[in-house]
Amino acid sequence: RLDEAQVRGMLLSHYHGVALDLAGLEPDNAGSVRRAALDSWAFF
């Protein structure tokens, strides 16, 4: 019973386009997560 925008704000992807570029990240793809972690200035 939370607002979807509120849930999105709980995720690191909330900073996509602001502090990070996570355009290539696919949540269910471990390879894409690893690549995004290597390229992103963030703690995964």
Full PDB file with SEQRES, HELIX, SHEET, SSBOND, CRYST1, ORIGX, SCALE, CONECT and MASTER records, all heavy atoms in Angstrom:
SEQRES   1 A   44  ARG LEU ASP GLU ALA GLN VAL ARG GLY MET LEU LEU SER          
SEQRES   2 A   44  HIS TYR HIS GLY VAL ALA LEU ASP LEU ALA GLY LEU GLU          
SEQRES   3 A   44  PRO ASP ASN ALA GLY SER VAL ARG ARG ALA ALA LEU ASP          
SEQRES   4 A   44  SER TRP ALA PHE PHE                                          
HELIX    1 AA1 GLU A    4  ARG A    8  1                                   5    
HELIX    2 AA2 LEU A   12  TYR A   15  5                                   4    
HELIX    3 AA3 ALA A   30  ASP A   39  1                                  10    
CRYST1    1.000    1.000    1.000  90.00  90.00  90.00 P 1           1          
ORIGX1      1.000000  0.000000  0.000000        0.00000                         
ORIGX2      0.000000  1.000000  0.000000        0.00000                         
ORIGX3      0.000000  0.000000  1.000000        0.00000                         
SCALE1      1.000000  0.000000  0.000000        0.00000                         
SCALE2      0.000000  1.000000  0.000000        0.00000                         
SCALE3      0.000000  0.000000  1.000000        0.00000                         
ATOM      1  N   ARG A   1       0.823  -1.216   0.000  1.00  0.00           N  
ATOM      2  CA  ARG A   1       0.000   0.000   0.000  1.00  0.00           C  
ATOM      3  C   ARG A   1       0.861   1.271   0.000  1.00  0.00           C  
ATOM      4  O   ARG A   1       0.588   2.235   0.690  1.00  0.00           O  
ATOM      5  CB  ARG A   1      -0.965  -0.008   1.197  1.00  0.00           C  
ATOM      6  CG  ARG A   1      -2.059  -1.056   1.092  1.00  0.00           C  
ATOM      7  CD  ARG A   1      -2.885  -1.157   2.353  1.00  0.00           C  
ATOM      8  NE  ARG A   1      -2.134  -1.767   3.439  1.00  0.00           N  
ATOM      9  CZ  ARG A   1      -1.968  -1.211   4.625  1.00  0.00           C  
ATOM     10  NH1 ARG A   1      -2.479  -0.017   4.881  1.00  0.00           N  
ATOM     11  NH2 ARG A   1      -1.276  -1.826   5.572  1.00  0.00           N  
ATOM     12  N   LEU A   2       1.901   1.235  -0.834  1.00  0.00           N  
ATOM     13  CA  LEU A   2       2.776   2.391  -1.021  1.00  0.00           C  
ATOM     14  C   LEU A   2       2.592   2.935  -2.429  1.00  0.00           C  
ATOM     15  O   LEU A   2       2.191   2.209  -3.346  1.00  0.00           O  
ATOM     16  CB  LEU A   2       4.245   2.005  -0.812  1.00  0.00           C  
ATOM     17  CG  LEU A   2       4.643   1.545   0.595  1.00  0.00           C  
ATOM     18  CD1 LEU A   2       6.082   1.056   0.593  1.00  0.00           C  
ATOM     19  CD2 LEU A   2       4.460   2.675   1.600  1.00  0.00           C  
ATOM     20  N   ASP A   3       2.889   4.186  -2.600  1.00  0.00           N  
ATOM     21  CA  ASP A   3       2.825   4.786  -3.927  1.00  0.00           C  
ATOM     22  C   ASP A   3       4.000   4.278  -4.747  1.00  0.00           C  
ATOM     23  O   ASP A   3       5.117   4.118  -4.240  1.00  0.00           O  
ATOM     24  CB  ASP A   3       2.882   6.311  -3.800  1.00  0.00           C  
ATOM     25  CG  ASP A   3       2.694   6.985  -5.137  1.00  0.00           C  
ATOM     26  OD1 ASP A   3       1.545   7.173  -5.558  1.00  0.00           O  
ATOM     27  OD2 ASP A   3       3.720   7.318  -5.767  1.00  0.00           O  
ATOM     28  N   GLU A   4       3.766   4.014  -6.043  1.00  0.00           N  
ATOM     29  CA  GLU A   4       4.837   3.492  -6.896  1.00  0.00           C  
ATOM     30  C   GLU A   4       6.022   4.455  -6.971  1.00  0.00           C  
ATOM     31  O   GLU A   4       7.176   4.028  -6.984  1.00  0.00           O  
ATOM     32  CB  GLU A   4       4.294   3.197  -8.303  1.00  0.00           C  
ATOM     33  CG  GLU A   4       3.351   2.015  -8.357  1.00  0.00           C  
ATOM     34  CD  GLU A   4       2.905   1.700  -9.778  1.00  0.00           C  
ATOM     35  OE1 GLU A   4       3.602   2.121 -10.738  1.00  0.00           O  
ATOM     36  OE2 GLU A   4       1.864   1.037  -9.929  1.00  0.00           O  
ATOM     37  N   ALA A   5       5.731   5.739  -7.002  1.00  0.00           N  
ATOM     38  CA  ALA A   5       6.826   6.716  -7.040  1.00  0.00           C  
ATOM     39  C   ALA A   5       7.639   6.647  -5.750  1.00  0.00           C  
ATOM     40  O   ALA A   5       8.867   6.818  -5.770  1.00  0.00           O  
ATOM     41  CB  ALA A   5       6.272   8.123  -7.234  1.00  0.00           C  
ATOM     42  N   GLN A   6       6.971   6.384  -4.647  1.00  0.00           N  
ATOM     43  CA  GLN A   6       7.662   6.248  -3.360  1.00  0.00           C  
ATOM     44  C   GLN A   6       8.592   5.040  -3.379  1.00  0.00           C  
ATOM     45  O   GLN A   6       9.724   5.098  -2.881  1.00  0.00           O  
ATOM     46  CB  GLN A   6       6.622   6.099  -2.249  1.00  0.00           C  
ATOM     47  CG  GLN A   6       7.172   6.243  -0.847  1.00  0.00           C  
ATOM     48  CD  GLN A   6       6.061   6.213   0.187  1.00  0.00           C  
ATOM     49  OE1 GLN A   6       4.940   5.776  -0.091  1.00  0.00           O  
ATOM     50  NE2 GLN A   6       6.353   6.689   1.395  1.00  0.00           N  
ATOM     51  N   VAL A   7       8.159   3.954  -3.994  1.00  0.00           N  
ATOM     52  CA  VAL A   7       8.988   2.752  -4.091  1.00  0.00           C  
ATOM     53  C   VAL A   7      10.183   3.002  -5.007  1.00  0.00           C  
ATOM     54  O   VAL A   7      11.313   2.618  -4.692  1.00  0.00           O  
ATOM     55  CB  VAL A   7       8.155   1.556  -4.600  1.00  0.00           C  
ATOM     56  CG1 VAL A   7       9.045   0.322  -4.772  1.00  0.00           C  
ATOM     57  CG2 VAL A   7       6.996   1.265  -3.649  1.00  0.00           C  
ATOM     58  N   ARG A   8       9.929   3.665  -6.129  1.00  0.00           N  
ATOM     59  CA  ARG A   8      11.052   3.968  -7.037  1.00  0.00           C  
ATOM     60  C   ARG A   8      12.113   4.810  -6.324  1.00  0.00           C  
ATOM     61  O   ARG A   8      13.311   4.670  -6.583  1.00  0.00           O  
ATOM     62  CB  ARG A   8      10.541   4.690  -8.279  1.00  0.00           C  
ATOM     63  CG  ARG A   8       9.938   3.768  -9.320  1.00  0.00           C  
ATOM     64  CD  ARG A   8       9.723   4.489 -10.645  1.00  0.00           C  
ATOM     65  NE  ARG A   8       8.616   5.437 -10.546  1.00  0.00           N  
ATOM     66  CZ  ARG A   8       7.338   5.143 -10.780  1.00  0.00           C  
ATOM     67  NH1 ARG A   8       7.012   3.912 -11.128  1.00  0.00           N  
ATOM     68  NH2 ARG A   8       6.398   6.055 -10.672  1.00  0.00           N  
ATOM     69  N   GLY A   9      11.665   5.688  -5.427  1.00  0.00           N  
ATOM     70  CA  GLY A   9      12.608   6.520  -4.700  1.00  0.00           C  
ATOM     71  C   GLY A   9      13.467   5.748  -3.716  1.00  0.00           C  
ATOM     72  O   GLY A   9      14.460   6.284  -3.205  1.00  0.00           O  
ATOM     73  N   MET A  10      13.104   4.499  -3.420  1.00  0.00           N  
ATOM     74  CA  MET A  10      13.891   3.664  -2.513  1.00  0.00           C  
ATOM     75  C   MET A  10      15.028   2.931  -3.221  1.00  0.00           C  
ATOM     76  O   MET A  10      15.866   2.304  -2.564  1.00  0.00           O  
ATOM     77  CB  MET A  10      12.991   2.613  -1.843  1.00  0.00           C  
ATOM     78  CG  MET A  10      11.893   3.177  -0.969  1.00  0.00           C  
ATOM     79  SD  MET A  10      10.923   1.801  -0.299  1.00  0.00           S  
ATOM     80  CE  MET A  10       9.815   2.680   0.795  1.00  0.00           C  
ATOM     81  N   LEU A  11      15.034   2.961  -4.539  1.00  0.00           N  
ATOM     82  CA  LEU A  11      16.004   2.201  -5.336  1.00  0.00           C  
ATOM     83  C   LEU A  11      17.158   3.091  -5.766  1.00  0.00           C  
ATOM     84  O   LEU A  11      16.992   4.298  -5.963  1.00  0.00           O  
ATOM     85  CB  LEU A  11      15.319   1.620  -6.569  1.00  0.00           C  
ATOM     86  CG  LEU A  11      14.179   0.633  -6.295  1.00  0.00           C  
ATOM     87  CD1 LEU A  11      13.346   0.427  -7.553  1.00  0.00           C  
ATOM     88  CD2 LEU A  11      14.734  -0.697  -5.796  1.00  0.00           C  
ATOM     89  N   LEU A  12      18.314   2.482  -5.958  1.00  0.00           N  
ATOM     90  CA  LEU A  12      19.456   3.243  -6.450  1.00  0.00           C  
ATOM     91  C   LEU A  12      19.172   3.829  -7.826  1.00  0.00           C  
ATOM     92  O   LEU A  12      19.675   4.902  -8.172  1.00  0.00           O  
ATOM     93  CB  LEU A  12      20.699   2.341  -6.505  1.00  0.00           C  
ATOM     94  CG  LEU A  12      22.022   3.023  -6.877  1.00  0.00           C  
ATOM     95  CD1 LEU A  12      22.376   4.119  -5.884  1.00  0.00           C  
ATOM     96  CD2 LEU A  12      23.139   1.993  -6.975  1.00  0.00           C  
ATOM     97  N   SER A  13      18.326   3.154  -8.603  1.00  0.00           N  
ATOM     98  CA  SER A  13      17.967   3.661  -9.921  1.00  0.00           C  
ATOM     99  C   SER A  13      17.206   4.980  -9.843  1.00  0.00           C  
ATOM    100  O   SER A  13      16.997   5.630 -10.869  1.00  0.00           O  
ATOM    101  CB  SER A  13      17.134   2.626 -10.687  1.00  0.00           C  
ATOM    102  OG  SER A  13      15.967   2.287  -9.954  1.00  0.00           O  
ATOM    103  N   HIS A  14      16.789   5.388  -8.634  1.00  0.00           N  
ATOM    104  CA  HIS A  14      16.190   6.706  -8.439  1.00  0.00           C  
ATOM    105  C   HIS A  14      17.133   7.802  -8.936  1.00  0.00           C  
ATOM    106  O   HIS A  14      16.689   8.876  -9.367  1.00  0.00           O  
ATOM    107  CB  HIS A  14      15.883   6.892  -6.949  1.00  0.00           C  
ATOM    108  CG  HIS A  14      15.547   8.299  -6.547  1.00  0.00           C  
ATOM    109  ND1 HIS A  14      14.385   8.934  -6.921  1.00  0.00           N  
ATOM    110  CD2 HIS A  14      16.240   9.208  -5.803  1.00  0.00           C  
ATOM    111  CE1 HIS A  14      14.361  10.159  -6.419  1.00  0.00           C  
ATOM    112  NE2 HIS A  14      15.477  10.356  -5.744  1.00  0.00           N  
ATOM    113  N   TYR A  15      18.442   7.537  -8.906  1.00  0.00           N  
ATOM    114  CA  TYR A  15      19.433   8.528  -9.319  1.00  0.00           C  
ATOM    115  C   TYR A  15      19.852   8.372 -10.777  1.00  0.00           C  
ATOM    116  O   TYR A  15      20.794   9.034 -11.208  1.00  0.00           O  
ATOM    117  CB  TYR A  15      20.661   8.430  -8.409  1.00  0.00           C  
ATOM    118  CG  TYR A  15      20.381   8.929  -7.012  1.00  0.00           C  
ATOM    119  CD1 TYR A  15      20.139   8.039  -5.966  1.00  0.00           C  
ATOM    120  CD2 TYR A  15      20.328  10.287  -6.743  1.00  0.00           C  
ATOM    121  CE1 TYR A  15      19.856   8.499  -4.688  1.00  0.00           C  
ATOM    122  CE2 TYR A  15      20.048  10.760  -5.467  1.00  0.00           C  
ATOM    123  CZ  TYR A  15      19.812   9.854  -4.452  1.00  0.00           C  
ATOM    124  OH  TYR A  15      19.528  10.317  -3.192  1.00  0.00           O  
ATOM    125  N   HIS A  16      19.161   7.513 -11.528  1.00  0.00           N  
ATOM    126  CA  HIS A  16      19.441   7.396 -12.963  1.00  0.00           C  
ATOM    127  C   HIS A  16      19.152   8.732 -13.651  1.00  0.00           C  
ATOM    128  O   HIS A  16      18.107   9.343 -13.444  1.00  0.00           O  
ATOM    129  CB  HIS A  16      18.572   6.306 -13.586  1.00  0.00           C  
ATOM    130  CG  HIS A  16      18.620   6.278 -15.086  1.00  0.00           C  
ATOM    131  ND1 HIS A  16      19.777   6.047 -15.791  1.00  0.00           N  
ATOM    132  CD2 HIS A  16      17.642   6.478 -16.014  1.00  0.00           C  
ATOM    133  CE1 HIS A  16      19.521   6.104 -17.088  1.00  0.00           C  
ATOM    134  NE2 HIS A  16      18.233   6.366 -17.247  1.00  0.00           N  
ATOM    135  N   GLY A  17      20.099   9.199 -14.436  1.00  0.00           N  
ATOM    136  CA  GLY A  17      19.939  10.471 -15.124  1.00  0.00           C  
ATOM    137  C   GLY A  17      20.282  11.676 -14.278  1.00  0.00           C  
ATOM    138  O   GLY A  17      20.280  12.802 -14.771  1.00  0.00           O  
ATOM    139  N   VAL A  18      20.598  11.453 -13.006  1.00  0.00           N  
ATOM    140  CA  VAL A  18      20.980  12.542 -12.100  1.00  0.00           C  
ATOM    141  C   VAL A  18      22.425  12.360 -11.636  1.00  0.00           C  
ATOM    142  O   VAL A  18      23.269  13.226 -11.814  1.00  0.00           O  
ATOM    143  CB  VAL A  18      20.035  12.611 -10.885  1.00  0.00           C  
ATOM    144  CG1 VAL A  18      20.468  13.714  -9.918  1.00  0.00           C  
ATOM    145  CG2 VAL A  18      18.602  12.850 -11.339  1.00  0.00           C  
ATOM    146  N   ALA A  19      22.713  11.194 -11.053  1.00  0.00           N  
ATOM    147  CA  ALA A  19      24.074  10.894 -10.618  1.00  0.00           C  
ATOM    148  C   ALA A  19      24.639   9.670 -11.305  1.00  0.00           C  
ATOM    149  O   ALA A  19      25.836   9.402 -11.202  1.00  0.00           O  
ATOM    150  CB  ALA A  19      24.107  10.674  -9.104  1.00  0.00           C  
ATOM    151  N   LEU A  20      23.784   8.918 -12.017  1.00  0.00           N  
ATOM    152  CA  LEU A  20      24.184   7.663 -12.639  1.00  0.00           C  
ATOM    153  C   LEU A  20      23.559   7.540 -14.020  1.00  0.00           C  
ATOM    154  O   LEU A  20      22.533   8.161 -14.302  1.00  0.00           O  
ATOM    155  CB  LEU A  20      23.708   6.463 -11.807  1.00  0.00           C  
ATOM    156  CG  LEU A  20      24.079   6.391 -10.332  1.00  0.00           C  
ATOM    157  CD1 LEU A  20      23.255   5.304  -9.665  1.00  0.00           C  
ATOM    158  CD2 LEU A  20      25.556   6.107 -10.183  1.00  0.00           C  
ATOM    159  N   ASP A  21      24.176   6.709 -14.850  1.00  0.00           N  
ATOM    160  CA  ASP A  21      23.565   6.326 -16.117  1.00  0.00           C  
ATOM    161  C   ASP A  21      23.384   4.814 -16.082  1.00  0.00           C  
ATOM    162  O   ASP A  21      24.334   4.056 -16.252  1.00  0.00           O  
ATOM    163  CB  ASP A  21      24.465   6.729 -17.291  1.00  0.00           C  
ATOM    164  CG  ASP A  21      23.853   6.358 -18.640  1.00  0.00           C  
ATOM    165  OD1 ASP A  21      22.726   5.818 -18.651  1.00  0.00           O  
ATOM    166  OD2 ASP A  21      24.509   6.587 -19.673  1.00  0.00           O  
ATOM    167  N   LEU A  22      22.172   4.383 -15.816  1.00  0.00           N  
ATOM    168  CA  LEU A  22      21.860   2.958 -15.718  1.00  0.00           C  
ATOM    169  C   LEU A  22      21.017   2.499 -16.900  1.00  0.00           C  
ATOM    170  O   LEU A  22      20.233   1.555 -16.791  1.00  0.00           O  
ATOM    171  CB  LEU A  22      21.116   2.665 -14.404  1.00  0.00           C  
ATOM    172  CG  LEU A  22      21.876   2.999 -13.113  1.00  0.00           C  
ATOM    173  CD1 LEU A  22      20.997   2.708 -11.899  1.00  0.00           C  
ATOM    174  CD2 LEU A  22      23.174   2.217 -13.023  1.00  0.00           C  
ATOM    175  N   ALA A  23      21.203   3.154 -18.057  1.00  0.00           N  
ATOM    176  CA  ALA A  23      20.356   2.858 -19.212  1.00  0.00           C  
ATOM    177  C   ALA A  23      20.461   1.411 -19.658  1.00  0.00           C  
ATOM    178  O   ALA A  23      19.496   0.827 -20.148  1.00  0.00           O  
ATOM    179  CB  ALA A  23      20.733   3.791 -20.370  1.00  0.00           C  
ATOM    180  N   GLY A  24      21.618   0.792 -19.505  1.00  0.00           N  
ATOM    181  CA  GLY A  24      21.793  -0.585 -19.978  1.00  0.00           C  
ATOM    182  C   GLY A  24      21.491  -1.644 -18.946  1.00  0.00           C  
ATOM    183  O   GLY A  24      21.659  -2.837 -19.218  1.00  0.00           O  
ATOM    184  N   LEU A  25      21.032  -1.248 -17.763  1.00  0.00           N  
ATOM    185  CA  LEU A  25      20.815  -2.226 -16.691  1.00  0.00           C  
ATOM    186  C   LEU A  25      19.487  -2.944 -16.875  1.00  0.00           C  
ATOM    187  O   LEU A  25      18.453  -2.317 -17.071  1.00  0.00           O  
ATOM    188  CB  LEU A  25      20.863  -1.529 -15.328  1.00  0.00           C  
ATOM    189  CG  LEU A  25      20.816  -2.450 -14.106  1.00  0.00           C  
ATOM    190  CD1 LEU A  25      21.708  -1.909 -12.996  1.00  0.00           C  
ATOM    191  CD2 LEU A  25      19.392  -2.602 -13.573  1.00  0.00           C  
ATOM    192  N   GLU A  26      19.528  -4.272 -16.787  1.00  0.00           N  
ATOM    193  CA  GLU A  26      18.330  -5.103 -16.804  1.00  0.00           C  
ATOM    194  C   GLU A  26      18.255  -5.824 -15.463  1.00  0.00           C  
ATOM    195  O   GLU A  26      19.141  -6.624 -15.142  1.00  0.00           O  
ATOM    196  CB  GLU A  26      18.380  -6.109 -17.951  1.00  0.00           C  
ATOM    197  CG  GLU A  26      18.519  -5.456 -19.324  1.00  0.00           C  
ATOM    198  CD  GLU A  26      18.742  -6.481 -20.423  1.00  0.00           C  
ATOM    199  OE1 GLU A  26      18.494  -7.681 -20.167  1.00  0.00           O  
ATOM    200  OE2 GLU A  26      19.176  -6.095 -21.518  1.00  0.00           O  
ATOM    201  N   PRO A  27      17.236  -5.564 -14.641  1.00  0.00           N  
ATOM    202  CA  PRO A  27      17.207  -6.085 -13.275  1.00  0.00           C  
ATOM    203  C   PRO A  27      17.369  -7.590 -13.155  1.00  0.00           C  
ATOM    204  O   PRO A  27      17.893  -8.078 -12.164  1.00  0.00           O  
ATOM    205  CB  PRO A  27      15.836  -5.637 -12.754  1.00  0.00           C  
ATOM    206  CG  PRO A  27      15.494  -4.432 -13.578  1.00  0.00           C  
ATOM    207  CD  PRO A  27      16.069  -4.709 -14.938  1.00  0.00           C  
ATOM    208  N   ASP A  28      16.918  -8.338 -14.158  1.00  0.00           N  
ATOM    209  CA  ASP A  28      16.990  -9.801 -14.071  1.00  0.00           C  
ATOM    210  C   ASP A  28      18.212 -10.374 -14.769  1.00  0.00           C  
ATOM    211  O   ASP A  28      18.349 -11.598 -14.881  1.00  0.00           O  
ATOM    212  CB  ASP A  28      15.722 -10.421 -14.664  1.00  0.00           C  
ATOM    213  CG  ASP A  28      15.524 -10.064 -16.132  1.00  0.00           C  
ATOM    214  OD1 ASP A  28      16.177  -9.102 -16.602  1.00  0.00           O  
ATOM    215  OD2 ASP A  28      14.715 -10.731 -16.811  1.00  0.00           O  
ATOM    216  N   ASN A  29      19.109  -9.529 -15.244  1.00  0.00           N  
ATOM    217  CA  ASN A  29      20.287  -9.981 -15.982  1.00  0.00           C  
ATOM    218  C   ASN A  29      21.533  -9.697 -15.160  1.00  0.00           C  
ATOM    219  O   ASN A  29      21.952  -8.545 -15.016  1.00  0.00           O  
ATOM    220  CB  ASN A  29      20.349  -9.266 -17.345  1.00  0.00           C  
ATOM    221  CG  ASN A  29      21.485  -9.765 -18.223  1.00  0.00           C  
ATOM    222  OD1 ASN A  29      22.613  -9.908 -17.780  1.00  0.00           O  
ATOM    223  ND2 ASN A  29      21.176 -10.017 -19.487  1.00  0.00           N  
ATOM    224  N   ALA A  30      22.143 -10.740 -14.611  1.00  0.00           N  
ATOM    225  CA  ALA A  30      23.298 -10.567 -13.727  1.00  0.00           C  
ATOM    226  C   ALA A  30      24.472  -9.926 -14.462  1.00  0.00           C  
ATOM    227  O   ALA A  30      25.200  -9.106 -13.890  1.00  0.00           O  
ATOM    228  CB  ALA A  30      23.725 -11.919 -13.149  1.00  0.00           C  
ATOM    229  N   GLY A  31      24.650 -10.258 -15.732  1.00  0.00           N  
ATOM    230  CA  GLY A  31      25.744  -9.673 -16.502  1.00  0.00           C  
ATOM    231  C   GLY A  31      25.597  -8.172 -16.656  1.00  0.00           C  
ATOM    232  O   GLY A  31      26.573  -7.422 -16.525  1.00  0.00           O  
ATOM    233  N   SER A  32      24.374  -7.729 -16.925  1.00  0.00           N  
ATOM    234  CA  SER A  32      24.162  -6.288 -17.094  1.00  0.00           C  
ATOM    235  C   SER A  32      24.348  -5.560 -15.770  1.00  0.00           C  
ATOM    236  O   SER A  32      24.825  -4.429 -15.739  1.00  0.00           O  
ATOM    237  CB  SER A  32      22.764  -6.012 -17.666  1.00  0.00           C  
ATOM    238  OG  SER A  32      21.768  -6.064 -16.662  1.00  0.00           O  
ATOM    239  N   VAL A  33      24.008  -6.209 -14.661  1.00  0.00           N  
ATOM    240  CA  VAL A  33      24.206  -5.594 -13.345  1.00  0.00           C  
ATOM    241  C   VAL A  33      25.696  -5.458 -13.055  1.00  0.00           C  
ATOM    242  O   VAL A  33      26.152  -4.419 -12.565  1.00  0.00           O  
ATOM    243  CB  VAL A  33      23.498  -6.415 -12.246  1.00  0.00           C  
ATOM    244  CG1 VAL A  33      23.806  -5.840 -10.868  1.00  0.00           C  
ATOM    245  CG2 VAL A  33      21.993  -6.430 -12.484  1.00  0.00           C  
ATOM    246  N   ARG A  34      26.463  -6.486 -13.363  1.00  0.00           N  
ATOM    247  CA  ARG A  34      27.913  -6.414 -13.142  1.00  0.00           C  
ATOM    248  C   ARG A  34      28.543  -5.315 -13.981  1.00  0.00           C  
ATOM    249  O   ARG A  34      29.385  -4.548 -13.498  1.00  0.00           O  
ATOM    250  CB  ARG A  34      28.558  -7.765 -13.460  1.00  0.00           C  
ATOM    251  CG  ARG A  34      28.369  -8.824 -12.391  1.00  0.00           C  
ATOM    252  CD  ARG A  34      29.295 -10.005 -12.633  1.00  0.00           C  
ATOM    253  NE  ARG A  34      28.963 -10.703 -13.866  1.00  0.00           N  
ATOM    254  CZ  ARG A  34      28.100 -11.702 -13.955  1.00  0.00           C  
ATOM    255  NH1 ARG A  34      27.472 -12.119 -12.857  1.00  0.00           N  
ATOM    256  NH2 ARG A  34      27.861 -12.294 -15.107  1.00  0.00           N  
ATOM    257  N   ARG A  35      28.125  -5.233 -15.238  1.00  0.00           N  
ATOM    258  CA  ARG A  35      28.699  -4.201 -16.114  1.00  0.00           C  
ATOM    259  C   ARG A  35      28.320  -2.803 -15.621  1.00  0.00           C  
ATOM    260  O   ARG A  35      29.138  -1.874 -15.628  1.00  0.00           O  
ATOM    261  CB  ARG A  35      28.225  -4.415 -17.554  1.00  0.00           C  
ATOM    262  CG  ARG A  35      28.879  -5.614 -18.242  1.00  0.00           C  
ATOM    263  CD  ARG A  35      28.558  -5.641 -19.722  1.00  0.00           C  
ATOM    264  NE  ARG A  35      27.159  -5.903 -19.983  1.00  0.00           N  
ATOM    265  CZ  ARG A  35      26.632  -7.123 -20.117  1.00  0.00           C  
ATOM    266  NH1 ARG A  35      27.399  -8.193 -19.999  1.00  0.00           N  
ATOM    267  NH2 ARG A  35      25.357  -7.282 -20.375  1.00  0.00           N  
ATOM    268  N   ALA A  36      27.055  -2.636 -15.198  1.00  0.00           N  
ATOM    269  CA  ALA A  36      26.625  -1.336 -14.683  1.00  0.00           C  
ATOM    270  C   ALA A  36      27.399  -0.967 -13.423  1.00  0.00           C  
ATOM    271  O   ALA A  36      27.761   0.193 -13.216  1.00  0.00           O  
ATOM    272  CB  ALA A  36      25.125  -1.353 -14.402  1.00  0.00           C  
ATOM    273  N   ALA A  37      27.675  -1.949 -12.570  1.00  0.00           N  
ATOM    274  CA  ALA A  37      28.415  -1.683 -11.341  1.00  0.00           C  
ATOM    275  C   ALA A  37      29.840  -1.241 -11.641  1.00  0.00           C  
ATOM    276  O   ALA A  37      30.384  -0.357 -10.978  1.00  0.00           O  
ATOM    277  CB  ALA A  37      28.421  -2.935 -10.462  1.00  0.00           C  
ATOM    278  N   LEU A  38      30.454  -1.830 -12.648  1.00  0.00           N  
ATOM    279  CA  LEU A  38      31.818  -1.450 -13.013  1.00  0.00           C  
ATOM    280  C   LEU A  38      31.868  -0.041 -13.570  1.00  0.00           C  
ATOM    281  O   LEU A  38      32.839   0.695 -13.361  1.00  0.00           O  
ATOM    282  CB  LEU A  38      32.378  -2.444 -14.045  1.00  0.00           C  
ATOM    283  CG  LEU A  38      32.750  -3.829 -13.514  1.00  0.00           C  
ATOM    284  CD1 LEU A  38      33.077  -4.762 -14.669  1.00  0.00           C  
ATOM    285  CD2 LEU A  38      33.922  -3.747 -12.552  1.00  0.00           C  
ATOM    286  N   ASP A  39      30.819   0.353 -14.269  1.00  0.00           N  
ATOM    287  CA  ASP A  39      30.830   1.640 -14.961  1.00  0.00           C  
ATOM    288  C   ASP A  39      30.254   2.772 -14.125  1.00  0.00           C  
ATOM    289  O   ASP A  39      30.493   3.936 -14.400  1.00  0.00           O  
ATOM    290  CB  ASP A  39      30.022   1.518 -16.267  1.00  0.00           C  
ATOM    291  CG  ASP A  39      30.273   2.692 -17.205  1.00  0.00           C  
ATOM    292  OD1 ASP A  39      31.415   3.169 -17.252  1.00  0.00           O  
ATOM    293  OD2 ASP A  39      29.317   3.125 -17.859  1.00  0.00           O  
ATOM    294  N   SER A  40      29.491   2.430 -13.096  1.00  0.00           N  
ATOM    295  CA  SER A  40      28.762   3.451 -12.335  1.00  0.00           C  
ATOM    296  C   SER A  40      29.574   3.914 -11.131  1.00  0.00           C  
ATOM    297  O   SER A  40      30.351   3.160 -10.543  1.00  0.00           O  
ATOM    298  CB  SER A  40      27.413   2.908 -11.862  1.00  0.00           C  
ATOM    299  OG  SER A  40      26.601   2.542 -12.957  1.00  0.00           O  
ATOM    300  N   TRP A  41      29.359   5.152 -10.757  1.00  0.00           N  
ATOM    301  CA  TRP A  41      29.982   5.722  -9.569  1.00  0.00           C  
ATOM    302  C   TRP A  41      28.991   5.562  -8.429  1.00  0.00           C  
ATOM    303  O   TRP A  41      28.345   6.502  -7.998  1.00  0.00           O  
ATOM    304  CB  TRP A  41      30.311   7.179  -9.826  1.00  0.00           C  
ATOM    305  CG  TRP A  41      31.544   7.648  -9.130  1.00  0.00           C  
ATOM    306  CD1 TRP A  41      32.593   6.906  -8.702  1.00  0.00           C  
ATOM    307  CD2 TRP A  41      31.854   9.010  -8.792  1.00  0.00           C  
ATOM    308  NE1 TRP A  41      33.543   7.703  -8.123  1.00  0.00           N  
ATOM    309  CE2 TRP A  41      33.119   9.003  -8.161  1.00  0.00           C  
ATOM    310  CE3 TRP A  41      31.198  10.218  -8.961  1.00  0.00           C  
ATOM    311  CZ2 TRP A  41      33.724  10.157  -7.705  1.00  0.00           C  
ATOM    312  CZ3 TRP A  41      31.817  11.364  -8.507  1.00  0.00           C  
ATOM    313  CH2 TRP A  41      33.066  11.344  -7.890  1.00  0.00           C  
ATOM    314  N   ALA A  42      28.881   4.333  -7.943  1.00  0.00           N  
ATOM    315  CA  ALA A  42      27.894   4.028  -6.908  1.00  0.00           C  
ATOM    316  C   ALA A  42      28.267   2.704  -6.263  1.00  0.00           C  
ATOM    317  O   ALA A  42      29.066   1.932  -6.780  1.00  0.00           O  
ATOM    318  CB  ALA A  42      26.492   3.942  -7.514  1.00  0.00           C  
ATOM    319  N   PHE A  43      27.645   2.436  -5.095  1.00  0.00           N  
ATOM    320  CA  PHE A  43      27.862   1.193  -4.389  1.00  0.00           C  
ATOM    321  C   PHE A  43      26.710   0.240  -4.689  1.00  0.00           C  
ATOM    322  O   PHE A  43      25.561   0.523  -4.328  1.00  0.00           O  
ATOM    323  CB  PHE A  43      27.943   1.437  -2.880  1.00  0.00           C  
ATOM    324  CG  PHE A  43      28.998   2.428  -2.479  1.00  0.00           C  
ATOM    325  CD1 PHE A  43      28.690   3.501  -1.663  1.00  0.00           C  
ATOM    326  CD2 PHE A  43      30.300   2.287  -2.927  1.00  0.00           C  
ATOM    327  CE1 PHE A  43      29.663   4.411  -1.281  1.00  0.00           C  
ATOM    328  CE2 PHE A  43      31.286   3.194  -2.561  1.00  0.00           C  
ATOM    329  CZ  PHE A  43      30.967   4.265  -1.742  1.00  0.00           C  
ATOM    330  N   PHE A  44      27.003  -0.867  -5.319  1.00  0.00           N  
ATOM    331  CA  PHE A  44      25.980  -1.854  -5.623  1.00  0.00           C  
ATOM    332  C   PHE A  44      25.883  -2.910  -4.521  1.00  0.00           C  
ATOM    333  O   PHE A  44      24.886  -3.624  -4.444  1.00  0.00           O  
ATOM    334  CB  PHE A  44      26.278  -2.535  -6.958  1.00  0.00           C  
ATOM    335  CG  PHE A  44      25.778  -1.776  -8.157  1.00  0.00           C  
ATOM    336  CD1 PHE A  44      25.964  -0.400  -8.267  1.00  0.00           C  
ATOM    337  CD2 PHE A  44      25.124  -2.427  -9.187  1.00  0.00           C  
ATOM    338  CE1 PHE A  44      25.517   0.303  -9.367  1.00  0.00           C  
ATOM    339  CE2 PHE A  44      24.662  -1.726 -10.294  1.00  0.00           C  
ATOM    340  CZ  PHE A  44      24.853  -0.355 -10.387  1.00  0.00           C  
TER     341      PHE A  44                                                      
MASTER        0    0    0    3    0    0    0    6  340    1    0    4          
END                                                                             
